[in-house]
Amino acid sequence: MKRALTQVVRAAQDKKAEDIVVLDLASICSFTDHFVMCTGRSTRQVQAIADGIEERLRAHALRPVSIEGYSQGEWVLMDYLDFVVHILSPRAREFYDLERLWLGAKRVELGKPRTSRKSKSR
């Protein structure tokens, strides 16, 4: 599970997703164990993040049970049963405030954020 979540986070980082959060819901939720949430700055970026995550996980033989909201690009929900990925526009993220809704969930740290090549070369 942790490996799949790490792949989701890396795929989102590769597409420049912002505010990536992983919540452990296993002890407080019956329909999934984890939420991964991130923000895309535009409809196109939200869709690109979803595409990147789906492609990365498909390479590891993981396919979503369902994907909702892709064509609108405001809030894409990708259900992988054990975890659900939420890719939201800034407006949708602020309005729905999933972190507040799931305040009882523990945050999961999946290692240090990756830095860009520009940062490493300086």
PDB file of N, CA and C in Angstrom:
ATOM      1  N   MET A   1       0.825  -1.191   0.000  1.00  0.00           N
ATOM      2  CA  MET A   1       0.000   0.000   0.000  1.00  0.00           C
ATOM      3  C   MET A   1       0.871   1.257   0.000  1.00  0.00           C
ATOM      4  N   LYS A   2       1.858   1.300   0.887  1.00  0.00           N
ATOM      5  CA  LYS A   2       2.713   2.477   0.975  1.00  0.00           C
ATOM      6  C   LYS A   2       3.420   2.730  -0.358  1.00  0.00           C
ATOM      7  N   ARG A   3       3.789   1.657  -1.030  1.00  0.00           N
ATOM      8  CA  ARG A   3       4.462   1.799  -2.323  1.00  0.00           C
ATOM      9  C   ARG A   3       3.543   2.469  -3.346  1.00  0.00           C
ATOM     10  N   ALA A   4       2.285   2.040  -3.383  1.00  0.00           N
ATOM     11  CA  ALA A   4       1.330   2.643  -4.318  1.00  0.00           C
ATOM     12  C   ALA A   4       1.099   4.114  -3.983  1.00  0.00           C
ATOM     13  N   LEU A   5       0.962   4.423  -2.693  1.00  0.00           N
ATOM     14  CA  LEU A   5       0.759   5.813  -2.289  1.00  0.00           C
ATOM     15  C   LEU A   5       1.965   6.670  -2.664  1.00  0.00           C
ATOM     16  N   THR A   6       3.149   6.116  -2.498  1.00  0.00           N
ATOM     17  CA  THR A   6       4.361   6.840  -2.881  1.00  0.00           C
ATOM     18  C   THR A   6       4.366   7.114  -4.378  1.00  0.00           C
ATOM     19  N   GLN A   7       3.920   6.152  -5.175  1.00  0.00           N
ATOM     20  CA  GLN A   7       3.852   6.345  -6.619  1.00  0.00           C
ATOM     21  C   GLN A   7       2.841   7.435  -6.990  1.00  0.00           C
ATOM     22  N   VAL A   8       1.729   7.483  -6.281  1.00  0.00           N
ATOM     23  CA  VAL A   8       0.730   8.537  -6.516  1.00  0.00           C
ATOM     24  C   VAL A   8       1.349   9.904  -6.239  1.00  0.00           C
ATOM     25  N   VAL A   9       2.017  10.017  -5.099  1.00  0.00           N
ATOM     26  CA  VAL A   9       2.626  11.299  -4.727  1.00  0.00           C
ATOM     27  C   VAL A   9       3.683  11.703  -5.748  1.00  0.00           C
ATOM     28  N   ARG A  10       4.522  10.772  -6.159  1.00  0.00           N
ATOM     29  CA  ARG A  10       5.565  11.102  -7.141  1.00  0.00           C
ATOM     30  C   ARG A  10       4.977  11.508  -8.487  1.00  0.00           C
ATOM     31  N   ALA A  11       3.936  10.809  -8.912  1.00  0.00           N
ATOM     32  CA  ALA A  11       3.299  11.172 -10.185  1.00  0.00           C
ATOM     33  C   ALA A  11       2.697  12.566 -10.100  1.00  0.00           C
ATOM     34  N   ALA A  12       2.071  12.882  -8.974  1.00  0.00           N
ATOM     35  CA  ALA A  12       1.498  14.216  -8.787  1.00  0.00           C
ATOM     36  C   ALA A  12       2.602  15.276  -8.767  1.00  0.00           C
ATOM     37  N   GLN A  13       3.703  14.981  -8.084  1.00  0.00           N
ATOM     38  CA  GLN A  13       4.837  15.914  -8.061  1.00  0.00           C
ATOM     39  C   GLN A  13       5.387  16.138  -9.463  1.00  0.00           C
ATOM     40  N   ASP A  14       5.461  15.079 -10.256  1.00  0.00           N
ATOM     41  CA  ASP A  14       5.973  15.194 -11.625  1.00  0.00           C
ATOM     42  C   ASP A  14       5.133  16.150 -12.470  1.00  0.00           C
ATOM     43  N   LYS A  15       3.854  16.266 -12.143  1.00  0.00           N
ATOM     44  CA  LYS A  15       2.953  17.157 -12.878  1.00  0.00           C
ATOM     45  C   LYS A  15       2.743  18.485 -12.147  1.00  0.00           C
ATOM     46  N   LYS A  16       3.635  18.755 -11.182  1.00  0.00           N
ATOM     47  CA  LYS A  16       3.654  20.037 -10.459  1.00  0.00           C
ATOM     48  C   LYS A  16       2.409  20.285  -9.607  1.00  0.00           C
ATOM     49  N   ALA A  17       1.804  19.208  -9.079  1.00  0.00           N
ATOM     50  CA  ALA A  17       0.675  19.351  -8.159  1.00  0.00           C
ATOM     51  C   ALA A  17       1.145  20.088  -6.911  1.00  0.00           C
ATOM     52  N   GLU A  18       0.237  20.820  -6.303  1.00  0.00           N
ATOM     53  CA  GLU A  18       0.551  21.586  -5.101  1.00  0.00           C
ATOM     54  C   GLU A  18      -0.189  21.009  -3.905  1.00  0.00           C
ATOM     55  N   ASP A  19       0.326  21.297  -2.718  1.00  0.00           N
ATOM     56  CA  ASP A  19      -0.339  20.931  -1.454  1.00  0.00           C
ATOM     57  C   ASP A  19      -0.759  19.460  -1.421  1.00  0.00           C
ATOM     58  N   ILE A  20       0.172  18.574  -1.661  1.00  0.00           N
ATOM     59  CA  ILE A  20      -0.124  17.136  -1.651  1.00  0.00           C
ATOM     60  C   ILE A  20      -0.229  16.668  -0.206  1.00  0.00           C
ATOM     61  N   VAL A  21      -1.356  16.034   0.115  1.00  0.00           N
ATOM     62  CA  VAL A  21      -1.620  15.543   1.463  1.00  0.00           C
ATOM     63  C   VAL A  21      -2.103  14.101   1.358  1.00  0.00           C
ATOM     64  N   VAL A  22      -1.569  13.244   2.239  1.00  0.00           N
ATOM     65  CA  VAL A  22      -2.028  11.858   2.330  1.00  0.00           C
ATOM     66  C   VAL A  22      -2.607  11.670   3.727  1.00  0.00           C
ATOM     67  N   LEU A  23      -3.858  11.200   3.791  1.00  0.00           N
ATOM     68  CA  LEU A  23      -4.531  10.969   5.065  1.00  0.00           C
ATOM     69  C   LEU A  23      -4.774   9.481   5.268  1.00  0.00           C
ATOM     70  N   ASP A  24      -4.520   8.999   6.464  1.00  0.00           N
ATOM     71  CA  ASP A  24      -4.805   7.616   6.849  1.00  0.00           C
ATOM     72  C   ASP A  24      -6.201   7.588   7.459  1.00  0.00           C
ATOM     73  N   LEU A  25      -7.125   6.957   6.762  1.00  0.00           N
ATOM     74  CA  LEU A  25      -8.513   6.906   7.206  1.00  0.00           C
ATOM     75  C   LEU A  25      -8.920   5.536   7.730  1.00  0.00           C
ATOM     76  N   ALA A  26      -7.986   4.596   7.778  1.00  0.00           N
ATOM     77  CA  ALA A  26      -8.315   3.204   8.079  1.00  0.00           C
ATOM     78  C   ALA A  26      -9.115   3.038   9.373  1.00  0.00           C
ATOM     79  N   SER A  27      -8.810   3.807  10.400  1.00  0.00           N
ATOM     80  CA  SER A  27      -9.489   3.625  11.685  1.00  0.00           C
ATOM     81  C   SER A  27     -10.793   4.417  11.799  1.00  0.00           C
ATOM     82  N   ILE A  28     -11.075   5.285  10.826  1.00  0.00           N
ATOM     83  CA  ILE A  28     -12.279   6.124  10.943  1.00  0.00           C
ATOM     84  C   ILE A  28     -13.217   6.033   9.741  1.00  0.00           C
ATOM     85  N   CYS A  29     -12.899   5.175   8.789  1.00  0.00           N
ATOM     86  CA  CYS A  29     -13.667   5.121   7.545  1.00  0.00           C
ATOM     87  C   CYS A  29     -13.825   3.669   7.098  1.00  0.00           C
ATOM     88  N   SER A  30     -14.982   3.326   6.555  1.00  0.00           N
ATOM     89  CA  SER A  30     -15.223   1.946   6.134  1.00  0.00           C
ATOM     90  C   SER A  30     -15.035   1.712   4.635  1.00  0.00           C
ATOM     91  N   PHE A  31     -14.948   2.769   3.825  1.00  0.00           N
ATOM     92  CA  PHE A  31     -14.914   2.554   2.378  1.00  0.00           C
ATOM     93  C   PHE A  31     -13.527   2.665   1.746  1.00  0.00           C
ATOM     94  N   THR A  32     -12.540   3.167   2.479  1.00  0.00           N
ATOM     95  CA  THR A  32     -11.175   3.242   1.955  1.00  0.00           C
ATOM     96  C   THR A  32     -10.207   3.419   3.116  1.00  0.00           C
ATOM     97  N   ASP A  33      -8.932   3.167   2.859  1.00  0.00           N
ATOM     98  CA  ASP A  33      -7.919   3.313   3.901  1.00  0.00           C
ATOM     99  C   ASP A  33      -7.197   4.663   3.859  1.00  0.00           C
ATOM    100  N   HIS A  34      -7.069   5.240   2.666  1.00  0.00           N
ATOM    101  CA  HIS A  34      -6.316   6.489   2.523  1.00  0.00           C
ATOM    102  C   HIS A  34      -6.964   7.424   1.508  1.00  0.00           C
ATOM    103  N   PHE A  35      -6.793   8.696   1.744  1.00  0.00           N
ATOM    104  CA  PHE A  35      -7.076   9.735   0.757  1.00  0.00           C
ATOM    105  C   PHE A  35      -5.746  10.369   0.380  1.00  0.00           C
ATOM    106  N   VAL A  36      -5.584  10.642  -0.899  1.00  0.00           N
ATOM    107  CA  VAL A  36      -4.492  11.486  -1.369  1.00  0.00           C
ATOM    108  C   VAL A  36      -5.159  12.697  -1.998  1.00  0.00           C
ATOM    109  N   MET A  37      -4.769  13.878  -1.546  1.00  0.00           N
ATOM    110  CA  MET A  37      -5.357  15.107  -2.077  1.00  0.00           C
ATOM    111  C   MET A  37      -4.253  16.011  -2.596  1.00  0.00           C
ATOM    112  N   CYS A  38      -4.547  16.674  -3.704  1.00  0.00           N
ATOM    113  CA  CYS A  38      -3.600  17.640  -4.239  1.00  0.00           C
ATOM    114  C   CYS A  38      -4.356  18.672  -5.057  1.00  0.00           C
ATOM    115  N   THR A  39      -3.656  19.739  -5.392  1.00  0.00           N
ATOM    116  CA  THR A  39      -4.262  20.851  -6.121  1.00  0.00           C
ATOM    117  C   THR A  39      -3.569  21.047  -7.458  1.00  0.00           C
ATOM    118  N   GLY A  40      -4.385  21.265  -8.497  1.00  0.00           N
ATOM    119  CA  GLY A  40      -3.894  21.668  -9.812  1.00  0.00           C
ATOM    120  C   GLY A  40      -4.394  23.073 -10.084  1.00  0.00           C
ATOM    121  N   ARG A  41      -3.578  23.906 -10.685  1.00  0.00           N
ATOM    122  CA  ARG A  41      -3.903  25.318 -10.868  1.00  0.00           C
ATOM    123  C   ARG A  41      -4.887  25.608 -11.999  1.00  0.00           C
ATOM    124  N   SER A  42      -5.099  24.650 -12.896  1.00  0.00           N
ATOM    125  CA  SER A  42      -6.022  24.867 -14.016  1.00  0.00           C
ATOM    126  C   SER A  42      -6.707  23.543 -14.342  1.00  0.00           C
ATOM    127  N   THR A  43      -7.769  23.630 -15.141  1.00  0.00           N
ATOM    128  CA  THR A  43      -8.464  22.419 -15.582  1.00  0.00           C
ATOM    129  C   THR A  43      -7.493  21.470 -16.257  1.00  0.00           C
ATOM    130  N   ARG A  44      -6.679  22.012 -17.128  1.00  0.00           N
ATOM    131  CA  ARG A  44      -5.713  21.182 -17.861  1.00  0.00           C
ATOM    132  C   ARG A  44      -4.708  20.530 -16.921  1.00  0.00           C
ATOM    133  N   GLN A  45      -4.230  21.271 -15.918  1.00  0.00           N
ATOM    134  CA  GLN A  45      -3.276  20.688 -14.991  1.00  0.00           C
ATOM    135  C   GLN A  45      -3.934  19.605 -14.131  1.00  0.00           C
ATOM    136  N   VAL A  46      -5.162  19.832 -13.682  1.00  0.00           N
ATOM    137  CA  VAL A  46      -5.889  18.807 -12.917  1.00  0.00           C
ATOM    138  C   VAL A  46      -5.979  17.531 -13.745  1.00  0.00           C
ATOM    139  N   GLN A  47      -6.331  17.657 -15.021  1.00  0.00           N
ATOM    140  CA  GLN A  47      -6.431  16.491 -15.898  1.00  0.00           C
ATOM    141  C   GLN A  47      -5.067  15.842 -16.127  1.00  0.00           C
ATOM    142  N   ALA A  48      -4.022  16.657 -16.284  1.00  0.00           N
ATOM    143  CA  ALA A  48      -2.671  16.124 -16.495  1.00  0.00           C
ATOM    144  C   ALA A  48      -2.193  15.357 -15.260  1.00  0.00           C
ATOM    145  N   ILE A  49      -2.501  15.852 -14.077  1.00  0.00           N
ATOM    146  CA  ILE A  49      -2.137  15.143 -12.847  1.00  0.00           C
ATOM    147  C   ILE A  49      -2.848  13.794 -12.812  1.00  0.00           C
ATOM    148  N   ALA A  50      -4.142  13.792 -13.125  1.00  0.00           N
ATOM    149  CA  ALA A  50      -4.899  12.531 -13.151  1.00  0.00           C
ATOM    150  C   ALA A  50      -4.300  11.565 -14.169  1.00  0.00           C
ATOM    151  N   ASP A  51      -3.968  12.058 -15.347  1.00  0.00           N
ATOM    152  CA  ASP A  51      -3.364  11.207 -16.382  1.00  0.00           C
ATOM    153  C   ASP A  51      -2.034  10.629 -15.896  1.00  0.00           C
ATOM    154  N   GLY A  52      -1.219  11.466 -15.267  1.00  0.00           N
ATOM    155  CA  GLY A  52       0.086  11.019 -14.783  1.00  0.00           C
ATOM    156  C   GLY A  52      -0.036   9.950 -13.709  1.00  0.00           C
ATOM    157  N   ILE A  53      -0.981  10.131 -12.798  1.00  0.00           N
ATOM    158  CA  ILE A  53      -1.192   9.142 -11.740  1.00  0.00           C
ATOM    159  C   ILE A  53      -1.690   7.833 -12.335  1.00  0.00           C
ATOM    160  N   GLU A  54      -2.675   7.916 -13.231  1.00  0.00           N
ATOM    161  CA  GLU A  54      -3.218   6.698 -13.836  1.00  0.00           C
ATOM    162  C   GLU A  54      -2.142   5.940 -14.608  1.00  0.00           C
ATOM    163  N   GLU A  55      -1.338   6.657 -15.369  1.00  0.00           N
ATOM    164  CA  GLU A  55      -0.267   6.033 -16.144  1.00  0.00           C
ATOM    165  C   GLU A  55       0.774   5.369 -15.229  1.00  0.00           C
ATOM    166  N   ARG A  56       1.178   6.077 -14.187  1.00  0.00           N
ATOM    167  CA  ARG A  56       2.193   5.543 -13.262  1.00  0.00           C
ATOM    168  C   ARG A  56       1.680   4.285 -12.571  1.00  0.00           C
ATOM    169  N   LEU A  57       0.429   4.311 -12.103  1.00  0.00           N
ATOM    170  CA  LEU A  57      -0.093   3.150 -11.389  1.00  0.00           C
ATOM    171  C   LEU A  57      -0.384   1.984 -12.329  1.00  0.00           C
ATOM    172  N   ARG A  58      -0.779   2.295 -13.550  1.00  0.00           N
ATOM    173  CA  ARG A  58      -0.998   1.228 -14.533  1.00  0.00           C
ATOM    174  C   ARG A  58       0.295   0.455 -14.768  1.00  0.00           C
ATOM    175  N   ALA A  59       1.436   1.131 -14.743  1.00  0.00           N
ATOM    176  CA  ALA A  59       2.736   0.479 -14.907  1.00  0.00           C
ATOM    177  C   ALA A  59       3.024  -0.485 -13.751  1.00  0.00           C
ATOM    178  N   HIS A  60       2.319  -0.296 -12.631  1.00  0.00           N
ATOM    179  CA  HIS A  60       2.450  -1.182 -11.475  1.00  0.00           C
ATOM    180  C   HIS A  60       1.228  -2.097 -11.344  1.00  0.00           C
ATOM    181  N   ALA A  61       0.506  -2.277 -12.450  1.00  0.00           N
ATOM    182  CA  ALA A  61      -0.664  -3.166 -12.529  1.00  0.00           C
ATOM    183  C   ALA A  61      -1.808  -2.736 -11.611  1.00  0.00           C
ATOM    184  N   LEU A  62      -1.947  -1.434 -11.370  1.00  0.00           N
ATOM    185  CA  LEU A  62      -3.061  -0.911 -10.584  1.00  0.00           C
ATOM    186  C   LEU A  62      -3.946  -0.066 -11.493  1.00  0.00           C
ATOM    187  N   ARG A  63      -5.229  -0.366 -11.460  1.00  0.00           N
ATOM    188  CA  ARG A  63      -6.192   0.376 -12.274  1.00  0.00           C
ATOM    189  C   ARG A  63      -7.307   0.896 -11.374  1.00  0.00           C
ATOM    190  N   PRO A  64      -7.788   2.096 -11.653  1.00  0.00           N
ATOM    191  CA  PRO A  64      -8.872   2.625 -10.816  1.00  0.00           C
ATOM    192  C   PRO A  64     -10.179   1.886 -11.076  1.00  0.00           C
ATOM    193  N   VAL A  65     -10.964   1.752 -10.028  1.00  0.00           N
ATOM    194  CA  VAL A  65     -12.304   1.184 -10.167  1.00  0.00           C
ATOM    195  C   VAL A  65     -13.192   2.184 -10.888  1.00  0.00           C
ATOM    196  N   SER A  66     -12.986   3.462 -10.569  1.00  0.00           N
ATOM    197  CA  SER A  66     -13.735   4.510 -11.259  1.00  0.00           C
ATOM    198  C   SER A  66     -12.963   5.820 -11.203  1.00  0.00           C
ATOM    199  N   ILE A  67     -13.270   6.666 -12.179  1.00  0.00           N
ATOM    200  CA  ILE A  67     -12.741   8.025 -12.222  1.00  0.00           C
ATOM    201  C   ILE A  67     -13.934   8.942 -12.463  1.00  0.00           C
ATOM    202  N   GLU A  68     -14.087   9.929 -11.608  1.00  0.00           N
ATOM    203  CA  GLU A  68     -15.203  10.867 -11.706  1.00  0.00           C
ATOM    204  C   GLU A  68     -14.676  12.283 -11.889  1.00  0.00           C
ATOM    205  N   GLY A  69     -15.377  13.098 -12.657  1.00  0.00           N
ATOM    206  CA  GLY A  69     -15.082  14.519 -12.765  1.00  0.00           C
ATOM    207  C   GLY A  69     -13.975  14.899 -13.731  1.00  0.00           C
ATOM    208  N   TYR A  70     -13.442  13.948 -14.481  1.00  0.00           N
ATOM    209  CA  TYR A  70     -12.305  14.243 -15.354  1.00  0.00           C
ATOM    210  C   TYR A  70     -12.653  15.299 -16.405  1.00  0.00           C
ATOM    211  N   SER A  71     -13.791  15.167 -17.051  1.00  0.00           N
ATOM    212  CA  SER A  71     -14.115  16.081 -18.156  1.00  0.00           C
ATOM    213  C   SER A  71     -14.300  17.530 -17.678  1.00  0.00           C
ATOM    214  N   GLN A  72     -14.772  17.723 -16.444  1.00  0.00           N
ATOM    215  CA  GLN A  72     -14.926  19.075 -15.915  1.00  0.00           C
ATOM    216  C   GLN A  72     -13.589  19.629 -15.418  1.00  0.00           C
ATOM    217  N   GLY A  73     -12.739  18.763 -14.877  1.00  0.00           N
ATOM    218  CA  GLY A  73     -11.419  19.187 -14.430  1.00  0.00           C
ATOM    219  C   GLY A  73     -11.401  20.078 -13.212  1.00  0.00           C
ATOM    220  N   GLU A  74     -12.484  20.117 -12.471  1.00  0.00           N
ATOM    221  CA  GLU A  74     -12.566  20.925 -11.251  1.00  0.00           C
ATOM    222  C   GLU A  74     -12.205  20.076 -10.021  1.00  0.00           C
ATOM    223  N   TRP A  75     -12.668  18.832 -10.026  1.00  0.00           N
ATOM    224  CA  TRP A  75     -12.384  17.882  -8.942  1.00  0.00           C
ATOM    225  C   TRP A  75     -12.411  16.487  -9.561  1.00  0.00           C
ATOM    226  N   VAL A  76     -11.260  15.886  -9.714  1.00  0.00           N
ATOM    227  CA  VAL A  76     -11.172  14.530 -10.243  1.00  0.00           C
ATOM    228  C   VAL A  76     -10.993  13.584  -9.070  1.00  0.00           C
ATOM    229  N   LEU A  77     -11.862  12.582  -9.003  1.00  0.00           N
ATOM    230  CA  LEU A  77     -11.793  11.559  -7.967  1.00  0.00           C
ATOM    231  C   LEU A  77     -11.426  10.246  -8.639  1.00  0.00           C
ATOM    232  N   MET A  78     -10.340   9.631  -8.169  1.00  0.00           N
ATOM    233  CA  MET A  78      -9.865   8.357  -8.707  1.00  0.00           C
ATOM    234  C   MET A  78      -9.936   7.318  -7.588  1.00  0.00           C
ATOM    235  N   ASP A  79     -10.815   6.331  -7.748  1.00  0.00           N
ATOM    236  CA  ASP A  79     -11.040   5.337  -6.702  1.00  0.00           C
ATOM    237  C   ASP A  79     -10.255   4.066  -7.005  1.00  0.00           C
ATOM    238  N   TYR A  80      -9.290   3.769  -6.139  1.00  0.00           N
ATOM    239  CA  TYR A  80      -8.487   2.549  -6.242  1.00  0.00           C
ATOM    240  C   TYR A  80      -8.834   1.576  -5.111  1.00  0.00           C
ATOM    241  N   LEU A  81     -10.012   1.718  -4.529  1.00  0.00           N
ATOM    242  CA  LEU A  81     -10.544   0.937  -3.413  1.00  0.00           C
ATOM    243  C   LEU A  81      -9.763   1.148  -2.115  1.00  0.00           C
ATOM    244  N   ASP A  82      -8.500   0.726  -2.051  1.00  0.00           N
ATOM    245  CA  ASP A  82      -7.715   0.894  -0.823  1.00  0.00           C
ATOM    246  C   ASP A  82      -7.346   2.350  -0.578  1.00  0.00           C
ATOM    247  N   PHE A  83      -7.359   3.139  -1.641  1.00  0.00           N
ATOM    248  CA  PHE A  83      -7.105   4.573  -1.519  1.00  0.00           C
ATOM    249  C   PHE A  83      -7.885   5.314  -2.591  1.00  0.00           C
ATOM    250  N   VAL A  84      -8.186   6.571  -2.295  1.00  0.00           N
ATOM    251  CA  VAL A  84      -8.917   7.435  -3.219  1.00  0.00           C
ATOM    252  C   VAL A  84      -8.079   8.694  -3.433  1.00  0.00           C
ATOM    253  N   VAL A  85      -7.897   9.062  -4.684  1.00  0.00           N
ATOM    254  CA  VAL A  85      -7.124  10.250  -5.038  1.00  0.00           C
ATOM    255  C   VAL A  85      -8.100  11.370  -5.404  1.00  0.00           C
ATOM    256  N   HIS A  86      -7.894  12.529  -4.789  1.00  0.00           N
ATOM    257  CA  HIS A  86      -8.696  13.718  -5.069  1.00  0.00           C
ATOM    258  C   HIS A  86      -7.760  14.770  -5.655  1.00  0.00           C
ATOM    259  N   ILE A  87      -8.030  15.186  -6.872  1.00  0.00           N
ATOM    260  CA  ILE A  87      -7.248  16.240  -7.514  1.00  0.00           C
ATOM    261  C   ILE A  87      -8.210  17.413  -7.719  1.00  0.00           C
ATOM    262  N   LEU A  88      -7.948  18.501  -7.033  1.00  0.00           N
ATOM    263  CA  LEU A  88      -8.907  19.599  -7.005  1.00  0.00           C
ATOM    264  C   LEU A  88      -8.307  20.901  -7.512  1.00  0.00           C
ATOM    265  N   SER A  89      -9.153  21.737  -8.065  1.00  0.00           N
ATOM    266  CA  SER A  89      -8.761  23.108  -8.380  1.00  0.00           C
ATOM    267  C   SER A  89      -8.646  23.852  -7.050  1.00  0.00           C
ATOM    268  N   PRO A  90      -7.955  24.988  -7.015  1.00  0.00           N
ATOM    269  CA  PRO A  90      -7.878  25.755  -5.762  1.00  0.00           C
ATOM    270  C   PRO A  90      -9.264  26.118  -5.215  1.00  0.00           C
ATOM    271  N   ARG A  91     -10.165  26.488  -6.098  1.00  0.00           N
ATOM    272  CA  ARG A  91     -11.516  26.873  -5.670  1.00  0.00           C
ATOM    273  C   ARG A  91     -12.266  25.689  -5.046  1.00  0.00           C
ATOM    274  N   ALA A  92     -12.197  24.525  -5.689  1.00  0.00           N
ATOM    275  CA  ALA A  92     -12.881  23.341  -5.159  1.00  0.00           C
ATOM    276  C   ALA A  92     -12.245  22.882  -3.850  1.00  0.00           C
ATOM    277  N   ARG A  93     -10.930  22.958  -3.775  1.00  0.00           N
ATOM    278  CA  ARG A  93     -10.247  22.524  -2.546  1.00  0.00           C
ATOM    279  C   ARG A  93     -10.652  23.397  -1.365  1.00  0.00           C
ATOM    280  N   GLU A  94     -10.713  24.683  -1.595  1.00  0.00           N
ATOM    281  CA  GLU A  94     -11.111  25.597  -0.526  1.00  0.00           C
ATOM    282  C   GLU A  94     -12.580  25.395  -0.145  1.00  0.00           C
ATOM    283  N   PHE A  95     -13.446  25.245  -1.132  1.00  0.00           N
ATOM    284  CA  PHE A  95     -14.877  25.124  -0.873  1.00  0.00           C
ATOM    285  C   PHE A  95     -15.209  23.833  -0.118  1.00  0.00           C
ATOM    286  N   TYR A  96     -14.684  22.693  -0.585  1.00  0.00           N
ATOM    287  CA  TYR A  96     -15.030  21.407   0.025  1.00  0.00           C
ATOM    288  C   TYR A  96     -14.211  21.108   1.277  1.00  0.00           C
ATOM    289  N   ASP A  97     -13.030  21.675   1.393  1.00  0.00           N
ATOM    290  CA  ASP A  97     -12.189  21.586   2.598  1.00  0.00           C
ATOM    291  C   ASP A  97     -12.168  20.176   3.194  1.00  0.00           C
ATOM    292  N   LEU A  98     -11.726  19.224   2.391  1.00  0.00           N
ATOM    293  CA  LEU A  98     -11.701  17.828   2.818  1.00  0.00           C
ATOM    294  C   LEU A  98     -10.821  17.594   4.043  1.00  0.00           C
ATOM    295  N   GLU A  99      -9.751  18.360   4.176  1.00  0.00           N
ATOM    296  CA  GLU A  99      -8.896  18.204   5.357  1.00  0.00           C
ATOM    297  C   GLU A  99      -9.681  18.493   6.643  1.00  0.00           C
ATOM    298  N   ARG A 100     -10.536  19.487   6.613  1.00  0.00           N
ATOM    299  CA  ARG A 100     -11.360  19.802   7.784  1.00  0.00           C
ATOM    300  C   ARG A 100     -12.408  18.725   8.000  1.00  0.00           C
ATOM    301  N   LEU A 101     -13.002  18.261   6.921  1.00  0.00           N
ATOM    302  CA  LEU A 101     -14.026  17.222   7.002  1.00  0.00           C
ATOM    303  C   LEU A 101     -13.470  15.941   7.627  1.00  0.00           C
ATOM    304  N   TRP A 102     -12.227  15.619   7.288  1.00  0.00           N
ATOM    305  CA  TRP A 102     -11.573  14.403   7.796  1.00  0.00           C
ATOM    306  C   TRP A 102     -10.510  14.769   8.827  1.00  0.00           C
ATOM    307  N   LEU A 103     -10.819  15.707   9.680  1.00  0.00           N
ATOM    308  CA  LEU A 103      -9.878  16.216  10.671  1.00  0.00           C
ATOM    309  C   LEU A 103      -9.326  15.117  11.585  1.00  0.00           C
ATOM    310  N   GLY A 104     -10.101  14.075  11.834  1.00  0.00           N
ATOM    311  CA  GLY A 104      -9.668  12.984  12.706  1.00  0.00           C
ATOM    312  C   GLY A 104      -8.651  12.049  12.079  1.00  0.00           C
ATOM    313  N   ALA A 105      -8.372  12.224  10.795  1.00  0.00           N
ATOM    314  CA  ALA A 105      -7.426  11.343  10.096  1.00  0.00           C
ATOM    315  C   ALA A 105      -5.996  11.767  10.375  1.00  0.00           C
ATOM    316  N   LYS A 106      -5.114  10.774  10.418  1.00  0.00           N
ATOM    317  CA  LYS A 106      -3.687  11.062  10.592  1.00  0.00           C
ATOM    318  C   LYS A 106      -3.063  11.364   9.242  1.00  0.00           C
ATOM    319  N   ARG A 107      -2.165  12.331   9.228  1.00  0.00           N
ATOM    320  CA  ARG A 107      -1.406  12.622   8.008  1.00  0.00           C
ATOM    321  C   ARG A 107      -0.289  11.607   7.870  1.00  0.00           C
ATOM    322  N   VAL A 108      -0.057  11.183   6.649  1.00  0.00           N
ATOM    323  CA  VAL A 108       0.992  10.208   6.364  1.00  0.00           C
ATOM    324  C   VAL A 108       2.130  10.933   5.663  1.00  0.00           C
ATOM    325  N   GLU A 109       3.325  10.793   6.182  1.00  0.00           N
ATOM    326  CA  GLU A 109       4.512  11.366   5.551  1.00  0.00           C
ATOM    327  C   GLU A 109       5.172  10.272   4.725  1.00  0.00           C
ATOM    328  N   LEU A 110       5.389  10.537   3.461  1.00  0.00           N
ATOM    329  CA  LEU A 110       5.979   9.539   2.564  1.00  0.00           C
ATOM    330  C   LEU A 110       7.384   9.949   2.135  1.00  0.00           C
ATOM    331  N   GLY A 111       8.159  10.462   3.044  1.00  0.00           N
ATOM    332  CA  GLY A 111       9.517  10.879   2.712  1.00  0.00           C
ATOM    333  C   GLY A 111       9.573  12.346   2.374  1.00  0.00           C
ATOM    334  N   LYS A 112      10.765  12.791   2.075  1.00  0.00           N
ATOM    335  CA  LYS A 112      10.990  14.196   1.749  1.00  0.00           C
ATOM    336  C   LYS A 112      10.426  14.530   0.385  1.00  0.00           C
ATOM    337  N   PRO A 113       9.913  15.752   0.231  1.00  0.00           N
ATOM    338  CA  PRO A 113       9.471  16.172  -1.101  1.00  0.00           C
ATOM    339  C   PRO A 113      10.665  16.195  -2.048  1.00  0.00           C
ATOM    340  N   ARG A 114      10.417  15.791  -3.272  1.00  0.00           N
ATOM    341  CA  ARG A 114      11.491  15.830  -4.263  1.00  0.00           C
ATOM    342  C   ARG A 114      11.736  17.258  -4.683  1.00  0.00           C
ATOM    343  N   THR A 115      13.005  17.590  -4.927  1.00  0.00           N
ATOM    344  CA  THR A 115      13.337  18.932  -5.377  1.00  0.00           C
ATOM    345  C   THR A 115      13.559  18.911  -6.878  1.00  0.00           C
ATOM    346  N   SER A 116      13.434  20.063  -7.480  1.00  0.00           N
ATOM    347  CA  SER A 116      13.636  20.145  -8.921  1.00  0.00           C
ATOM    348  C   SER A 116      15.120  20.064  -9.243  1.00  0.00           C
ATOM    349  N   ARG A 117      15.426  19.770 -10.478  1.00  0.00           N
ATOM    350  CA  ARG A 117      16.828  19.695 -10.909  1.00  0.00           C
ATOM    351  C   ARG A 117      17.517  21.044 -10.771  1.00  0.00           C
ATOM    352  N   LYS A 118      16.764  22.127 -10.985  1.00  0.00           N
ATOM    353  CA  LYS A 118      17.331  23.470 -10.855  1.00  0.00           C
ATOM    354  C   LYS A 118      17.828  23.694  -9.434  1.00  0.00           C
ATOM    355  N   SER A 119      17.042  23.242  -8.454  1.00  0.00           N
ATOM    356  CA  SER A 119      17.437  23.430  -7.070  1.00  0.00           C
ATOM    357  C   SER A 119      18.714  22.646  -6.744  1.00  0.00           C
ATOM    358  N   LYS A 120      18.836  21.449  -7.299  1.00  0.00           N
ATOM    359  CA  LYS A 120      19.982  20.613  -7.015  1.00  0.00           C
ATOM    360  C   LYS A 120      21.271  21.162  -7.623  1.00  0.00           C
ATOM    361  N   SER A 121      21.161  21.817  -8.770  1.00  0.00           N
ATOM    362  CA  SER A 121      22.356  22.275  -9.464  1.00  0.00           C
ATOM    363  C   SER A 121      22.899  23.593  -8.914  1.00  0.00           C
ATOM    364  N   ARG A 122      22.141  24.260  -8.082  1.00  0.00           N
ATOM    365  CA  ARG A 122      22.571  25.566  -7.554  1.00  0.00           C
ATOM    366  C   ARG A 122      23.427  25.420  -6.353  1.00  0.00           C
TER     367      ARG A 122
END
